[in-house]
Amino acid sequence: MPKPRGRSAGRRRSVLIIGSEAQPFAKTGGLADVLGALPPALARLGWDATLVLPKYRGVSSGTRTDTFPLTVGAWTRDVGFFEAPLDDGARALLVDCPELYERDAPYGHGNIDYPDNPRRFAVLVRAALEHAARHGAPSVVHAHDWQAGLAPVYLRSLYAAHPVLAGTPSVFTIHNIAYQGLCEADWLPRLDLGWDQLAIDRLEYWGRVSLLKGGINDADMVTTVSRRYAEEIQTPEFGFGFDGIIQRRRADLAGILNGIDVQEWDPEHDHFLPAPFSAADLSGKAAAKAAVLARYGLPTGAATLARPLVGMVSRMVDQKGFDLIAAVADNLPRLDATFVVLGEGEDRYQRLWRTLAAAHPDRIGARIGFDESLAHLIEGGADMFLMPSRFEPCGLNQMYSQRYGTVPVVRAVGGLADTVRDAASSKAVKGRRATGVVFDAYTPEALLGALARALDLFGQPRKWRAMQRAGMQEDFSWHRSAQEYVKIYDRAIKKRLKGA
């Protein structure tokens, strides 16, 4: 197998990161937060980090630096590149192709994907690789989710004997294995892939093609966004049919927890909060709590302020546990707590929360939609944060919550299990203090039991303050996560140099 070419031993190590969305350019979910934060974190560790993503409608950032014709299958267009600086010396390259990316939304209308998504994201990958071929091969290519799943595939096929890119190692990160990039097999020639790829050990998945499977099979290393999730996706319960595919790569699989932006999410300097606070001085949290209640039109008297406030900021879908919440909806107003929720999703869950808020205007507040300032205020002002997820690859809100002294109540899945230590667990006893309340079974009874435990702990101020402070002292920074990615990059590079 060809060794990496075009990379001088004395050059600064570099990573080409390919993904479909990133802050501050485009966001539909947590992937954007990751891809907005990871390149600068890698740059701070001395890497030359370049992020490549589409230039969607409404994105005006960047300066055009290059244009060249690109051919994928029988499709040929001129593709432009806009370069935009990111923090700490990292940069973004925005791929400009209006025919593909000037649309109302990044992936489709509602729940219906654009029918040409295979081409849209194959062009993204090919544009990234062709640009790299013109400007010097990276030390490693890091592709994210199915939209970039063809990057490892192309490096193993089209670019296997390329004069610059031959032997370039790749890392593939799965953010949510439920999204698998499925398309019909007749896309293969249109993506410059041979029919040999329609095989069970290649891209074929139940007669169709999966771009996610391609990334998993051909990357030198595969990662996902928490250690627990890396284990879970090897099981039928959480693997969404890919458990066997993942098991084949388990020797090259690692779980790396996402970080959070500890400057944006900092209760000592958060301009969305009415008063700053810290682990040493939590007094400002009371002002945030009063502000949350006022924003929702809930009572702000002494009795309500003394009662625990349970917050949620979430997509209202089954994955996030909203079917469990629906099952216990009649019990919520009977608990000695106030509830506020912010989010949007399935109509039935939006109606549920609106109905609860209308029936119990002194105990429940609901806001349908998203509001960044209110999300920060809830994290700062709530006493507890509820995340009863069916599955959760990583999760960010439980980390935001701990940073703000808001005790998470979560189910023991994925990143939730990796980041929250239960008040009754052995981990909390063995020198690591509890930071939240965790339940295991995905049942209404288990959810109610966890809430009851949290309410009981709230009534024990010394224990509660200890949990708050323990959570606020956790390190969820991207520096920690970026260091782990560098280790994976090094493993991928060494593996390829050995001819694996």
Protein backbone atom coordinates (compact mmCIF):
# COMPACT_ATOMS: atom_id res chain seq x y z
CA MET A 1 0.00 0.00 0.00
CA PRO A 2 1.38 3.45 -0.87
CA LYS A 3 2.87 5.40 2.01
CA PRO A 4 1.66 8.98 2.64
CA ARG A 5 3.14 11.43 0.17
CA GLY A 6 3.26 15.19 0.01
CA ARG A 7 3.84 15.49 3.77
CA SER A 8 7.23 16.72 4.90
CA ALA A 9 8.46 15.34 8.20
CA GLY A 10 9.27 18.87 9.31
CA ARG A 11 5.86 20.34 8.52
CA ARG A 12 3.41 21.27 11.21
CA ARG A 13 0.90 18.49 11.66
CA SER A 14 -2.40 19.21 9.96
CA VAL A 15 -5.94 17.89 9.99
CA LEU A 16 -8.61 18.33 7.33
CA ILE A 17 -12.00 18.18 9.05
CA ILE A 18 -15.04 17.55 6.84
CA GLY A 19 -18.61 17.99 8.06
CA SER A 20 -22.02 19.28 7.07
CA GLU A 21 -22.58 22.04 9.65
CA ALA A 22 -20.63 24.11 12.16
CA GLN A 23 -21.04 27.14 14.33
CA PRO A 24 -21.19 30.01 13.48
CA PHE A 25 -22.08 29.17 9.87
CA ALA A 26 -24.95 26.68 10.06
CA LYS A 27 -26.60 24.71 12.84
CA THR A 28 -29.37 22.15 13.12
CA GLY A 29 -28.00 20.19 16.09
CA GLY A 30 -25.05 19.33 18.32
CA LEU A 31 -22.78 18.47 15.38
CA ALA A 32 -22.48 22.19 14.66
CA ASP A 33 -21.30 22.87 18.21
CA VAL A 34 -18.66 20.15 17.91
CA LEU A 35 -17.32 21.28 14.54
CA GLY A 36 -17.31 24.90 15.63
CA ALA A 37 -15.23 24.15 18.72
CA LEU A 38 -12.92 21.29 17.73
CA PRO A 39 -10.75 23.05 15.07
CA PRO A 40 -9.71 25.92 17.40
CA ALA A 41 -9.07 23.44 20.22
CA LEU A 42 -6.77 21.44 17.92
CA ALA A 43 -5.06 24.64 16.79
CA ARG A 44 -4.32 25.47 20.42
CA LEU A 45 -2.51 22.12 20.61
CA GLY A 46 -0.28 23.10 17.69
CA TRP A 47 -2.19 21.54 14.79
CA ASP A 48 -2.99 23.23 11.50
CA ALA A 49 -6.77 22.71 11.52
CA THR A 50 -8.95 23.29 8.46
CA LEU A 51 -12.71 22.72 8.52
CA VAL A 52 -14.57 22.20 5.23
CA LEU A 53 -18.37 22.55 5.02
CA PRO A 54 -20.96 23.75 2.49
CA LYS A 55 -21.65 27.44 1.96
CA TYR A 56 -25.37 27.33 2.63
CA ARG A 57 -27.90 30.04 1.85
CA GLY A 58 -27.44 33.07 4.08
CA VAL A 59 -23.79 32.39 4.89
CA SER A 60 -21.86 35.51 3.95
CA SER A 61 -18.62 34.81 5.81
CA GLY A 62 -15.28 34.39 4.15
CA THR A 63 -13.26 35.59 1.20
CA ARG A 64 -13.11 33.69 -2.08
CA THR A 65 -9.67 32.13 -2.40
CA ASP A 66 -10.07 29.49 -5.10
CA THR A 67 -12.35 28.21 -7.87
CA PHE A 68 -11.95 25.15 -10.04
CA PRO A 69 -14.13 22.68 -11.97
CA LEU A 70 -15.14 19.54 -10.10
CA THR A 71 -16.51 16.38 -11.64
CA VAL A 72 -18.42 13.71 -9.73
CA GLY A 73 -19.84 11.01 -11.98
CA ALA A 74 -21.27 12.79 -15.03
CA TRP A 75 -21.87 15.99 -13.04
CA THR A 76 -19.41 18.87 -13.55
CA ARG A 77 -19.57 22.37 -12.10
CA ASP A 78 -17.23 25.16 -11.08
CA VAL A 79 -16.86 25.08 -7.31
CA GLY A 80 -15.68 28.03 -5.26
CA PHE A 81 -13.96 28.17 -1.87
CA PHE A 82 -14.43 30.91 0.68
CA GLU A 83 -11.93 31.04 3.53
CA ALA A 84 -13.04 32.31 6.94
CA PRO A 85 -10.88 32.54 10.05
CA LEU A 86 -11.78 30.60 13.18
CA ASP A 87 -10.45 31.22 16.66
CA ASP A 88 -6.82 30.49 17.56
CA GLY A 89 -5.58 30.26 13.99
CA ALA A 90 -7.90 27.55 12.69
CA ARG A 91 -9.79 28.23 9.47
CA ALA A 92 -12.96 27.24 7.66
CA LEU A 93 -13.32 26.59 3.94
CA LEU A 94 -16.87 27.08 2.70
CA VAL A 95 -17.64 25.16 -0.50
CA ASP A 96 -19.66 27.37 -2.82
CA CYS A 97 -21.97 25.59 -5.23
CA PRO A 98 -25.36 27.38 -5.28
CA GLU A 99 -27.07 24.62 -7.24
CA LEU A 100 -26.42 22.21 -4.36
CA TYR A 101 -26.32 24.36 -1.23
CA GLU A 102 -28.48 27.44 -1.84
CA ARG A 103 -31.60 25.86 -0.34
CA ASP A 104 -34.09 26.52 2.41
CA ALA A 105 -32.51 24.05 4.83
CA PRO A 106 -29.27 22.04 4.97
CA TYR A 107 -30.70 18.53 4.57
CA GLY A 108 -34.29 18.65 3.35
CA HIS A 109 -37.83 19.89 3.91
CA GLY A 110 -39.24 18.77 7.24
CA ASN A 111 -38.44 15.10 7.65
CA ILE A 112 -37.95 14.53 3.90
CA ASP A 113 -34.35 14.55 2.69
CA TYR A 114 -33.41 16.23 -0.57
CA PRO A 115 -33.29 13.43 -3.19
CA ASP A 116 -29.84 14.51 -4.38
CA ASN A 117 -28.23 14.47 -0.94
CA PRO A 118 -25.79 11.72 -2.00
CA ARG A 119 -24.42 14.05 -4.69
CA ARG A 120 -24.52 17.14 -2.44
CA PHE A 121 -22.31 15.55 0.18
CA ALA A 122 -20.13 13.58 -2.22
CA VAL A 123 -19.31 16.94 -3.82
CA LEU A 124 -18.48 18.36 -0.38
CA VAL A 125 -16.02 15.52 0.26
CA ARG A 126 -14.47 15.60 -3.21
CA ALA A 127 -14.13 19.39 -3.06
CA ALA A 128 -12.33 19.12 0.28
CA LEU A 129 -9.97 16.43 -1.00
CA GLU A 130 -9.27 18.15 -4.32
CA HIS A 131 -8.53 21.42 -2.54
CA ALA A 132 -6.13 19.57 -0.25
CA ALA A 133 -4.47 17.94 -3.25
CA ARG A 134 -3.76 21.38 -4.68
CA HIS A 135 -2.44 22.87 -1.44
CA GLY A 136 -0.68 19.97 0.30
CA ALA A 137 -1.93 16.75 1.83
CA PRO A 138 -3.03 16.87 5.47
CA SER A 139 -1.51 14.58 8.07
CA VAL A 140 -4.98 13.12 8.61
CA VAL A 141 -8.54 13.56 7.33
CA HIS A 142 -11.26 13.65 10.00
CA ALA A 143 -14.76 13.01 8.60
CA HIS A 144 -17.97 13.42 10.59
CA ASP A 145 -21.24 11.49 10.21
CA TRP A 146 -22.76 10.05 7.07
CA GLN A 147 -22.52 13.32 5.15
CA ALA A 148 -18.72 12.92 5.13
CA GLY A 149 -18.74 9.12 5.11
CA LEU A 150 -17.34 8.95 1.58
CA ALA A 151 -14.08 10.63 2.60
CA PRO A 152 -12.48 7.39 3.89
CA VAL A 153 -14.02 5.49 0.96
CA TYR A 154 -12.54 7.82 -1.66
CA LEU A 155 -9.15 7.82 0.05
CA ARG A 156 -9.13 4.00 -0.18
CA SER A 157 -10.33 3.94 -3.80
CA LEU A 158 -10.17 7.00 -6.09
CA TYR A 159 -7.18 8.51 -4.30
CA ALA A 160 -5.34 5.30 -3.39
CA ALA A 161 -2.63 5.99 -6.00
CA HIS A 162 -2.94 9.79 -6.07
CA PRO A 163 0.43 11.60 -6.29
CA VAL A 164 -0.39 13.77 -3.25
CA LEU A 165 -3.17 12.10 -1.29
CA ALA A 166 -2.13 8.44 -1.56
CA GLY A 167 -1.86 6.85 1.87
CA THR A 168 -3.54 9.73 3.71
CA PRO A 169 -5.00 8.28 6.93
CA SER A 170 -8.57 8.99 7.99
CA VAL A 171 -10.63 9.10 11.16
CA PHE A 172 -14.41 8.81 11.07
CA THR A 173 -16.64 10.05 13.88
CA ILE A 174 -20.20 8.81 14.43
CA HIS A 175 -22.33 11.41 16.18
CA ASN A 176 -25.61 9.50 15.94
CA ILE A 177 -25.75 6.04 14.42
CA ALA A 178 -29.49 6.35 13.79
CA TYR A 179 -28.70 8.55 10.75
CA GLN A 180 -27.11 6.23 8.19
CA GLY A 181 -27.00 8.06 4.86
CA LEU A 182 -29.03 5.51 2.92
CA CYS A 183 -29.58 5.78 -0.82
CA GLU A 184 -30.39 3.50 -3.75
CA ALA A 185 -27.62 1.42 -5.27
CA ASP A 186 -27.86 3.20 -8.63
CA TRP A 187 -26.09 6.15 -6.99
CA LEU A 188 -22.79 4.24 -7.02
CA PRO A 189 -21.68 5.15 -10.57
CA ARG A 190 -22.98 8.69 -10.09
CA LEU A 191 -20.61 8.97 -7.12
CA ASP A 192 -17.62 7.50 -9.02
CA LEU A 193 -17.85 4.23 -7.10
CA GLY A 194 -17.69 0.80 -8.69
CA TRP A 195 -20.32 -1.89 -8.38
CA ASP A 196 -17.87 -3.84 -6.25
CA GLN A 197 -18.92 -1.48 -3.45
CA LEU A 198 -22.35 -3.15 -3.45
CA ALA A 199 -21.16 -5.93 -1.17
CA ILE A 200 -22.00 -6.82 2.40
CA ASP A 201 -18.47 -6.01 3.58
CA ARG A 202 -18.47 -2.69 1.70
CA LEU A 203 -21.32 -0.13 1.43
CA GLU A 204 -24.28 -2.44 0.82
CA TYR A 205 -26.99 -2.38 3.48
CA TRP A 206 -30.14 -4.44 2.82
CA GLY A 207 -29.90 -3.89 -0.94
CA ARG A 208 -29.18 -0.18 -0.64
CA VAL A 209 -26.03 1.85 -0.04
CA SER A 210 -25.09 3.40 3.31
CA LEU A 211 -22.60 6.26 3.31
CA LEU A 212 -22.25 5.82 7.07
CA LYS A 213 -21.20 2.20 6.58
CA GLY A 214 -18.60 3.31 4.06
CA GLY A 215 -17.02 5.66 6.55
CA ILE A 216 -17.01 3.03 9.28
CA ASN A 217 -15.47 0.33 7.07
CA ASP A 218 -12.75 2.39 5.40
CA ALA A 219 -11.51 4.77 8.10
CA ASP A 220 -8.27 3.88 9.84
CA MET A 221 -9.85 4.77 13.18
CA VAL A 222 -13.50 5.15 14.15
CA THR A 223 -14.68 7.27 17.04
CA THR A 224 -17.96 8.20 18.62
CA VAL A 225 -18.88 10.85 21.11
CA SER A 226 -18.71 9.03 24.46
CA ARG A 227 -17.17 5.85 25.84
CA ARG A 228 -20.55 4.46 26.84
CA TYR A 229 -22.04 5.10 23.40
CA ALA A 230 -19.09 3.29 21.78
CA GLU A 231 -20.12 0.22 23.78
CA GLU A 232 -23.86 0.69 23.25
CA ILE A 233 -23.75 0.84 19.45
CA GLN A 234 -22.28 -2.66 19.42
CA THR A 235 -25.60 -3.96 20.80
CA PRO A 236 -28.92 -4.56 19.01
CA GLU A 237 -30.72 -2.18 21.39
CA PHE A 238 -28.67 0.88 20.41
CA GLY A 239 -26.99 -0.13 17.16
CA PHE A 240 -29.93 0.56 14.81
CA GLY A 241 -28.92 -2.46 12.73
CA PHE A 242 -25.24 -1.47 12.64
CA ASP A 243 -24.15 -3.40 15.74
CA GLY A 244 -22.42 -6.11 13.70
CA ILE A 245 -20.73 -3.52 11.47
CA ILE A 246 -19.38 -1.73 14.53
CA GLN A 247 -18.26 -4.96 16.18
CA ARG A 248 -16.05 -5.68 13.16
CA ARG A 249 -14.17 -2.42 13.87
CA ARG A 250 -14.13 -2.59 17.66
CA ALA A 251 -10.31 -2.86 17.78
CA ASP A 252 -10.15 0.54 16.05
CA LEU A 253 -13.09 2.13 17.89
CA ALA A 254 -12.81 4.78 20.60
CA GLY A 255 -15.31 6.91 22.49
CA ILE A 256 -14.27 10.54 22.99
CA LEU A 257 -16.62 12.74 24.93
CA ASN A 258 -17.52 16.04 23.30
CA GLY A 259 -16.44 19.17 25.10
CA ILE A 260 -18.34 22.38 25.66
CA ASP A 261 -17.41 25.99 25.08
CA VAL A 262 -16.41 26.98 28.61
CA GLN A 263 -16.25 30.65 27.65
CA GLU A 264 -19.76 30.80 26.22
CA TRP A 265 -21.12 28.66 29.07
CA ASP A 266 -19.64 30.38 32.09
CA PRO A 267 -21.90 31.55 34.93
CA GLU A 268 -19.31 34.08 36.07
CA HIS A 269 -19.38 35.91 32.71
CA ASP A 270 -22.68 34.95 31.05
CA HIS A 271 -24.35 38.14 29.82
CA PHE A 272 -27.71 36.33 29.62
CA LEU A 273 -27.78 36.00 33.42
CA PRO A 274 -28.98 38.81 35.69
CA ALA A 275 -26.10 38.23 38.13
CA PRO A 276 -22.87 36.23 38.00
CA PHE A 277 -22.18 33.30 40.29
CA SER A 278 -19.56 30.62 40.88
CA ALA A 279 -18.90 27.46 42.86
CA ALA A 280 -17.50 29.65 45.63
CA ASP A 281 -20.50 31.99 45.64
CA LEU A 282 -23.83 30.61 44.38
CA SER A 283 -25.94 33.55 45.54
CA GLY A 284 -26.46 34.90 42.00
CA LYS A 285 -28.35 31.73 41.07
CA ALA A 286 -31.43 32.98 42.95
CA ALA A 287 -31.67 36.01 40.66
CA ALA A 288 -31.53 33.75 37.60
CA LYS A 289 -34.28 31.55 39.05
CA ALA A 290 -36.53 34.55 39.61
CA ALA A 291 -35.82 35.73 36.05
CA VAL A 292 -36.77 32.33 34.57
CA LEU A 293 -40.06 32.30 36.48
CA ALA A 294 -40.82 35.84 35.31
CA ARG A 295 -40.05 34.99 31.65
CA TYR A 296 -42.60 32.17 31.84
CA GLY A 297 -45.20 34.23 33.67
CA LEU A 298 -45.02 31.95 36.69
CA PRO A 299 -45.37 33.22 40.28
CA THR A 300 -42.21 34.73 41.74
CA GLY A 301 -43.23 34.80 45.40
CA ALA A 302 -41.26 33.30 48.25
CA ALA A 303 -43.11 29.96 48.12
CA THR A 304 -42.34 29.42 44.42
CA LEU A 305 -38.74 30.53 44.79
CA ALA A 306 -38.28 28.04 47.63
CA ARG A 307 -39.71 25.21 45.55
CA PRO A 308 -37.22 23.39 43.24
CA LEU A 309 -37.31 24.48 39.61
CA VAL A 310 -36.89 21.68 37.04
CA GLY A 311 -35.77 22.83 33.58
CA MET A 312 -35.66 21.22 30.15
CA VAL A 313 -34.19 22.53 26.89
CA SER A 314 -34.70 19.82 24.31
CA ARG A 315 -36.08 18.59 21.04
CA MET A 316 -39.52 17.19 21.82
CA VAL A 317 -39.06 13.71 20.40
CA ASP A 318 -39.07 10.13 21.66
CA GLN A 319 -35.27 9.94 21.65
CA LYS A 320 -35.20 12.61 24.35
CA GLY A 321 -37.62 10.69 26.57
CA PHE A 322 -40.76 12.66 25.83
CA ASP A 323 -42.82 9.49 25.61
CA LEU A 324 -41.77 8.77 29.21
CA ILE A 325 -42.72 12.29 30.23
CA ALA A 326 -46.12 11.90 28.54
CA ALA A 327 -46.69 8.74 30.57
CA VAL A 328 -46.14 10.62 33.85
CA ALA A 329 -47.66 13.95 32.79
CA ASP A 330 -50.54 13.72 35.27
CA ASN A 331 -48.05 13.21 38.11
CA LEU A 332 -45.88 16.23 37.40
CA PRO A 333 -48.21 18.89 38.89
CA ARG A 334 -48.50 16.80 42.07
CA LEU A 335 -44.77 16.94 42.73
CA ASP A 336 -43.40 19.66 44.97
CA ALA A 337 -41.66 21.34 42.04
CA THR A 338 -42.06 23.87 39.24
CA PHE A 339 -41.35 22.83 35.64
CA VAL A 340 -40.24 24.92 32.64
CA VAL A 341 -39.57 23.53 29.17
CA LEU A 342 -38.07 25.12 26.05
CA GLY A 343 -37.98 23.35 22.69
CA GLU A 344 -39.86 22.15 19.68
CA GLY A 345 -40.52 18.85 17.97
CA GLU A 346 -43.45 16.51 17.45
CA ASP A 347 -46.87 18.16 17.54
CA ARG A 348 -48.21 15.74 20.16
CA TYR A 349 -45.51 16.71 22.64
CA GLN A 350 -45.83 20.41 21.93
CA ARG A 351 -49.58 20.12 22.58
CA LEU A 352 -48.93 18.13 25.76
CA TRP A 353 -46.77 20.85 27.27
CA ARG A 354 -49.06 23.66 26.18
CA THR A 355 -51.99 21.82 27.77
CA LEU A 356 -50.08 21.22 31.00
CA ALA A 357 -49.03 24.87 31.18
CA ALA A 358 -52.59 26.09 30.58
CA ALA A 359 -54.00 23.74 33.24
CA HIS A 360 -51.32 24.52 35.84
CA PRO A 361 -50.19 28.13 35.28
CA ASP A 362 -48.66 28.29 38.76
CA ARG A 363 -46.48 25.18 38.35
CA ILE A 364 -45.67 24.59 34.66
CA GLY A 365 -44.33 26.86 31.93
CA ALA A 366 -43.85 25.90 28.27
CA ARG A 367 -42.16 27.79 25.45
CA ILE A 368 -42.30 26.22 21.98
CA GLY A 369 -39.35 27.16 19.79
CA PHE A 370 -35.77 28.05 20.60
CA ASP A 371 -34.34 31.11 22.31
CA GLU A 372 -30.60 31.21 23.05
CA SER A 373 -30.91 33.73 25.87
CA LEU A 374 -33.68 31.74 27.54
CA ALA A 375 -31.66 28.51 27.19
CA HIS A 376 -28.80 30.12 29.11
CA LEU A 377 -31.20 31.54 31.68
CA ILE A 378 -32.79 28.13 32.30
CA GLU A 379 -29.39 26.52 32.75
CA GLY A 380 -28.50 29.23 35.22
CA GLY A 381 -31.79 29.51 37.10
CA ALA A 382 -33.08 25.94 37.30
CA ASP A 383 -32.26 23.81 40.32
CA MET A 384 -32.46 20.58 38.29
CA PHE A 385 -32.22 19.74 34.61
CA LEU A 386 -34.20 16.77 33.26
CA MET A 387 -32.80 14.52 30.48
CA PRO A 388 -34.61 11.14 30.49
CA SER A 389 -33.26 10.11 27.07
CA ARG A 390 -34.01 6.81 25.37
CA PHE A 391 -30.50 7.08 23.91
CA GLU A 392 -28.00 9.94 24.00
CA PRO A 393 -24.69 9.62 22.12
CA CYS A 394 -23.11 12.43 24.11
CA GLY A 395 -25.44 15.22 25.21
CA LEU A 396 -24.30 18.73 26.03
CA ASN A 397 -26.99 20.12 28.31
CA GLN A 398 -26.01 17.90 31.22
CA MET A 399 -22.52 19.42 30.99
CA TYR A 400 -23.86 22.97 30.74
CA SER A 401 -26.07 22.22 33.74
CA GLN A 402 -23.24 21.03 35.94
CA ARG A 403 -21.17 24.07 35.03
CA TYR A 404 -24.09 26.24 36.23
CA GLY A 405 -24.71 24.38 39.48
CA THR A 406 -27.91 22.86 38.10
CA VAL A 407 -28.16 19.22 39.13
CA PRO A 408 -28.92 16.91 36.17
CA VAL A 409 -31.52 14.15 36.45
CA VAL A 410 -30.64 11.76 33.63
CA ARG A 411 -30.96 8.23 32.32
CA ALA A 412 -27.79 6.11 32.36
CA VAL A 413 -27.17 6.02 28.61
CA GLY A 414 -24.35 7.23 26.35
CA GLY A 415 -22.68 10.46 27.36
CA LEU A 416 -25.15 10.98 30.19
CA ALA A 417 -23.76 7.91 31.95
CA ASP A 418 -20.20 9.09 31.31
CA THR A 419 -20.66 12.61 32.67
CA VAL A 420 -23.08 12.39 35.61
CA ARG A 421 -22.23 10.53 38.85
CA ASP A 422 -25.29 9.35 40.72
CA ALA A 423 -25.85 10.41 44.31
CA ALA A 424 -26.26 6.78 45.38
CA SER A 425 -23.55 5.19 43.20
CA SER A 426 -20.34 3.57 44.32
CA LYS A 427 -18.39 6.01 42.14
CA ALA A 428 -19.62 8.88 44.24
CA VAL A 429 -18.50 7.06 47.40
CA LYS A 430 -14.99 6.19 46.16
CA GLY A 431 -13.53 9.67 46.30
CA ARG A 432 -15.53 11.10 43.39
CA ARG A 433 -18.39 13.21 44.56
CA ALA A 434 -21.91 12.87 43.19
CA THR A 435 -22.98 15.38 40.55
CA GLY A 436 -26.55 14.30 39.77
CA VAL A 437 -29.33 11.73 39.89
CA VAL A 438 -29.21 8.83 37.44
CA PHE A 439 -31.78 6.13 36.66
CA ASP A 440 -31.44 2.99 34.55
CA ALA A 441 -34.73 1.50 33.38
CA TYR A 442 -36.62 3.25 30.59
CA THR A 443 -39.93 3.21 32.47
CA PRO A 444 -42.30 5.84 33.87
CA GLU A 445 -41.76 4.41 37.34
CA ALA A 446 -37.98 4.84 37.11
CA LEU A 447 -38.36 8.43 35.92
CA LEU A 448 -40.71 9.31 38.77
CA GLY A 449 -38.39 7.57 41.22
CA ALA A 450 -35.45 9.66 40.02
CA LEU A 451 -37.43 12.89 40.36
CA ALA A 452 -38.52 11.86 43.87
CA ARG A 453 -34.88 11.21 44.82
CA ALA A 454 -33.81 14.57 43.45
CA LEU A 455 -36.56 16.38 45.34
CA ASP A 456 -35.53 14.62 48.54
CA LEU A 457 -31.90 15.66 48.04
CA PHE A 458 -33.00 19.25 47.37
CA GLY A 459 -34.46 19.22 50.85
CA GLN A 460 -31.00 18.44 52.27
CA PRO A 461 -29.11 21.72 51.67
CA ARG A 462 -25.62 20.49 52.60
CA LYS A 463 -25.79 17.48 50.27
CA TRP A 464 -27.35 19.60 47.53
CA ARG A 465 -24.68 22.29 47.71
CA ALA A 466 -21.97 19.60 47.62
CA MET A 467 -23.47 18.15 44.42
CA GLN A 468 -23.71 21.58 42.83
CA ARG A 469 -20.11 22.44 43.59
CA ALA A 470 -18.83 19.04 42.50
CA GLY A 471 -20.50 19.48 39.12
CA MET A 472 -19.16 23.01 38.72
CA GLN A 473 -15.61 21.75 39.24
CA GLU A 474 -15.76 19.13 36.47
CA ASP A 475 -13.58 19.67 33.40
CA PHE A 476 -15.77 19.51 30.30
CA SER A 477 -13.52 21.73 28.19
CA TRP A 478 -12.63 21.07 24.59
CA HIS A 479 -8.95 21.04 25.58
CA ARG A 480 -9.45 17.64 27.19
CA SER A 481 -11.40 16.29 24.22
CA ALA A 482 -8.95 17.67 21.65
CA GLN A 483 -6.06 15.93 23.41
CA GLU A 484 -7.91 12.62 23.01
CA TYR A 485 -8.50 13.27 19.30
CA VAL A 486 -4.80 13.96 18.82
CA LYS A 487 -4.06 10.53 20.27
CA ILE A 488 -6.48 8.99 17.76
CA TYR A 489 -4.90 10.95 14.89
CA ASP A 490 -1.50 9.63 15.92
CA ARG A 491 -2.83 6.07 15.98
CA ALA A 492 -4.32 6.49 12.50
CA ILE A 493 -1.07 7.92 11.12
CA LYS A 494 1.05 5.14 12.64
CA LYS A 495 -1.38 2.49 11.41
CA ARG A 496 -1.21 3.78 7.83
CA LEU A 497 2.59 4.07 7.94
CA LYS A 498 2.70 0.41 8.91
CA GLY A 499 0.66 -0.35 5.78
CA ALA A 500 -2.53 -1.39 7.60
